C-alpha atoms as a PDB file:
ATOM      1  CA  MET A   1      18.944 -38.047  49.272  1.00  0.00           C
ATOM      2  CA  ILE A   2      20.445 -36.535  46.128  1.00  0.00           C
ATOM      3  CA  GLU A   3      19.897 -32.955  45.067  1.00  0.00           C
ATOM      4  CA  ILE A   4      20.581 -31.951  41.481  1.00  0.00           C
ATOM      5  CA  SER A   5      20.822 -28.378  40.301  1.00  0.00           C
ATOM      6  CA  VAL A   6      21.378 -27.083  36.799  1.00  0.00           C
ATOM      7  CA  ALA A   7      23.627 -24.069  36.291  1.00  0.00           C
ATOM      8  CA  ARG A   8      22.339 -21.147  34.234  1.00  0.00           C
ATOM      9  CA  HIS A   9      23.529 -20.994  30.660  1.00  0.00           C
ATOM     10  CA  PRO A  10      25.372 -17.743  29.824  1.00  0.00           C
ATOM     11  CA  ILE A  11      23.190 -17.090  26.742  1.00  0.00           C
ATOM     12  CA  PHE A  12      20.033 -19.190  26.856  1.00  0.00           C
ATOM     13  CA  ALA A  13      17.172 -19.388  29.337  1.00  0.00           C
ATOM     14  CA  ARG A  14      14.719 -22.257  29.241  1.00  0.00           C
ATOM     15  CA  ASP A  15      10.919 -22.110  29.268  1.00  0.00           C
ATOM     16  CA  GLY A  16       9.672 -25.681  29.009  1.00  0.00           C
ATOM     17  CA  LYS A  17      10.803 -26.980  25.609  1.00  0.00           C
ATOM     18  CA  ASN A  18      11.545 -23.452  24.397  1.00  0.00           C
ATOM     19  CA  LEU A  19      14.884 -21.701  24.662  1.00  0.00           C
ATOM     20  CA  CYS A  20      14.981 -17.919  25.063  1.00  0.00           C
ATOM     21  CA  VAL A  21      17.766 -15.539  24.094  1.00  0.00           C
ATOM     22  CA  ASP A  22      18.132 -11.741  24.149  1.00  0.00           C
ATOM     23  CA  LEU A  23      19.653 -10.421  20.919  1.00  0.00           C
ATOM     24  CA  PRO A  24      21.314  -6.992  20.942  1.00  0.00           C
ATOM     25  CA  ILE A  25      20.795  -5.111  17.666  1.00  0.00           C
ATOM     26  CA  SER A  26      21.920  -1.695  16.474  1.00  0.00           C
ATOM     27  CA  ILE A  27      19.549   1.188  15.819  1.00  0.00           C
ATOM     28  CA  THR A  28      20.428   0.848  12.117  1.00  0.00           C
ATOM     29  CA  GLU A  29      19.462  -2.845  12.099  1.00  0.00           C
ATOM     30  CA  ALA A  30      16.197  -1.995  13.887  1.00  0.00           C
ATOM     31  CA  VAL A  31      15.214   0.789  11.496  1.00  0.00           C
ATOM     32  CA  LEU A  32      16.428  -0.625   8.176  1.00  0.00           C
ATOM     33  CA  GLY A  33      16.191  -4.350   8.896  1.00  0.00           C
ATOM     34  CA  ALA A  34      19.063  -6.807   8.638  1.00  0.00           C
ATOM     35  CA  THR A  35      20.050 -10.433   8.585  1.00  0.00           C
ATOM     36  CA  VAL A  36      22.099 -11.362  11.639  1.00  0.00           C
ATOM     37  CA  LYS A  37      23.587 -14.549  13.034  1.00  0.00           C
ATOM     38  CA  VAL A  38      21.848 -15.936  16.122  1.00  0.00           C
ATOM     39  CA  PRO A  39      23.203 -18.684  18.384  1.00  0.00           C
ATOM     40  CA  THR A  40      21.081 -21.812  18.754  1.00  0.00           C
ATOM     41  CA  ALA A  41      21.733 -24.997  20.702  1.00  0.00           C
ATOM     42  CA  SER A  42      22.936 -26.614  17.464  1.00  0.00           C
ATOM     43  CA  GLY A  43      24.984 -23.723  16.028  1.00  0.00           C
ATOM     44  CA  ARG A  44      24.445 -20.298  14.520  1.00  0.00           C
ATOM     45  CA  VAL A  45      21.637 -19.535  12.061  1.00  0.00           C
ATOM     46  CA  ASN A  46      20.641 -16.431  10.128  1.00  0.00           C
ATOM     47  CA  LEU A  47      17.675 -14.416  11.403  1.00  0.00           C
ATOM     48  CA  ARG A  48      16.006 -11.758   9.266  1.00  0.00           C
ATOM     49  CA  ILE A  49      15.093  -8.715  11.331  1.00  0.00           C
ATOM     50  CA  PRO A  50      12.285  -6.816   9.610  1.00  0.00           C
ATOM     51  CA  PRO A  51      12.623  -3.051   9.090  1.00  0.00           C
ATOM     52  CA  GLY A  52      11.016  -1.057  11.897  1.00  0.00           C
ATOM     53  CA  SER A  53      11.630  -3.634  14.635  1.00  0.00           C
ATOM     54  CA  SER A  54      11.346  -2.440  18.236  1.00  0.00           C
ATOM     55  CA  SER A  55      13.066  -3.541  21.417  1.00  0.00           C
ATOM     56  CA  GLY A  56      11.029  -6.257  23.067  1.00  0.00           C
ATOM     57  CA  THR A  57       9.895  -7.809  19.781  1.00  0.00           C
ATOM     58  CA  VAL A  58      10.000 -11.596  20.120  1.00  0.00           C
ATOM     59  CA  MET A  59      10.861 -13.628  17.046  1.00  0.00           C
ATOM     60  CA  ARG A  60      10.351 -17.405  16.949  1.00  0.00           C
ATOM     61  CA  LEU A  61      12.701 -19.884  15.320  1.00  0.00           C
ATOM     62  CA  LYS A  62      10.556 -22.997  15.072  1.00  0.00           C
ATOM     63  CA  GLY A  63      12.173 -26.245  16.208  1.00  0.00           C
ATOM     64  CA  LYS A  64      15.383 -24.577  17.424  1.00  0.00           C
ATOM     65  CA  GLY A  65      14.637 -25.106  21.110  1.00  0.00           C
ATOM     66  CA  VAL A  66      14.988 -28.229  23.224  1.00  0.00           C
ATOM     67  CA  GLY A  67      14.646 -31.535  21.380  1.00  0.00           C
ATOM     68  CA  ALA A  68      11.600 -33.492  22.484  1.00  0.00           C
ATOM     69  CA  GLN A  69      11.480 -37.233  23.056  1.00  0.00           C
ATOM     70  CA  THR A  70       7.801 -37.133  22.098  1.00  0.00           C
ATOM     71  CA  GLY A  71       5.991 -34.482  20.101  1.00  0.00           C
ATOM     72  CA  ALA A  72       7.512 -31.445  18.435  1.00  0.00           C
ATOM     73  CA  ASP A  73      10.826 -29.874  19.417  1.00  0.00           C
ATOM     74  CA  GLY A  74      10.708 -26.579  21.272  1.00  0.00           C
ATOM     75  CA  ASP A  75      11.327 -23.194  19.661  1.00  0.00           C
ATOM     76  CA  LEU A  76      13.994 -20.555  20.109  1.00  0.00           C
ATOM     77  CA  LEU A  77      12.400 -17.277  21.205  1.00  0.00           C
ATOM     78  CA  VAL A  78      14.618 -14.333  20.290  1.00  0.00           C
ATOM     79  CA  THR A  79      13.882 -11.029  22.038  1.00  0.00           C
ATOM     80  CA  LEU A  80      15.292  -7.989  20.232  1.00  0.00           C
ATOM     81  CA  SER A  81      17.060  -5.332  22.268  1.00  0.00           C
ATOM     82  CA  ILE A  82      18.159  -2.112  20.557  1.00  0.00           C
ATOM     83  CA  VAL A  83      21.548  -1.008  21.847  1.00  0.00           C
ATOM     84  CA  LEU A  84      22.788   2.503  21.140  1.00  0.00           C
ATOM     85  CA  PRO A  85      26.450   3.254  20.464  1.00  0.00           C
ATOM     86  CA  ASP A  86      28.641   3.883  23.512  1.00  0.00           C
ATOM     87  CA  GLU A  87      29.167   7.439  22.282  1.00  0.00           C
ATOM     88  CA  ILE A  88      26.506   9.450  20.473  1.00  0.00           C
ATOM     89  CA  ASP A  89      28.434  11.570  17.986  1.00  0.00           C
ATOM     90  CA  GLU A  90      27.302  14.784  16.290  1.00  0.00           C
ATOM     91  CA  ASP A  91      26.362  12.947  13.058  1.00  0.00           C
ATOM     92  CA  LEU A  92      23.842  10.728  14.854  1.00  0.00           C
ATOM     93  CA  LYS A  93      22.495  13.691  16.824  1.00  0.00           C
ATOM     94  CA  THR A  94      22.035  15.670  13.611  1.00  0.00           C
ATOM     95  CA  VAL A  95      20.243  12.811  11.833  1.00  0.00           C
ATOM     96  CA  MET A  96      17.925  12.263  14.795  1.00  0.00           C
ATOM     97  CA  LYS A  97      17.240  15.992  15.268  1.00  0.00           C
ATOM     98  CA  THR A  98      16.463  16.444  11.558  1.00  0.00           C
ATOM     99  CA  TRP A  99      14.143  13.433  11.574  1.00  0.00           C
ATOM    100  CA  SER A 100      12.484  14.497  14.833  1.00  0.00           C
ATOM    101  CA  ASP A 101      11.835  18.018  13.554  1.00  0.00           C
ATOM    102  CA  ALA A 102      10.100  16.626  10.438  1.00  0.00           C
ATOM    103  CA  HIS A 103       8.041  13.845  12.088  1.00  0.00           C
ATOM    104  CA  THR A 104       5.520  13.713  14.904  1.00  0.00           C
ATOM    105  CA  TYR A 105       6.180  10.603  16.968  1.00  0.00           C
ATOM    106  CA  ASN A 106       4.996   9.562  20.422  1.00  0.00           C
ATOM    107  CA  ALA A 107       6.734   6.394  21.590  1.00  0.00           C
ATOM    108  CA  ARG A 108       4.298   6.108  24.501  1.00  0.00           C
ATOM    109  CA  LYS A 109       1.022   6.441  22.550  1.00  0.00           C
ATOM    110  CA  ASN A 110      -0.041   2.849  23.356  1.00  0.00           C
ATOM    111  CA  TRP A 111       1.525   2.742  26.817  1.00  0.00           C
ATOM    112  CA  LYS A 112      -0.811   2.125  29.754  1.00  0.00           C
ATOM    113  CA  GLY A 113       0.949   4.753  31.877  1.00  0.00           C
ATOM    114  CA  ASP A 114       0.891   8.500  31.385  1.00  0.00           C
ATOM    115  CA  ALA A 115       1.412   9.067  27.641  1.00  0.00           C
ATOM    116  CA  SER A 116       2.010  12.798  27.889  1.00  0.00           C
END
């Protein structure tokens, strides 16, 4: 009897023919949008992040997943994850406070839990 196991890849997870990757982005890239390099199984490609992107947004790169012997190749599913700076300086605090004071915003308005 032979048992074969496949080690986890340090970047990619597999879901059938699709590959999945978590992509850290800055708050600036999330708010303003950006074009960033994303690893794929065949090398890096540019991905355009639209302005106003949230953590958890999944973007699909068609055909950048696992190659198929029959049918279409899988896709690369890129999940955005906003990462704040290690240190929040006074400039960022001031910008956020000024914006917050001028705008009503409830991040939990569509959440199924307690939105208060």
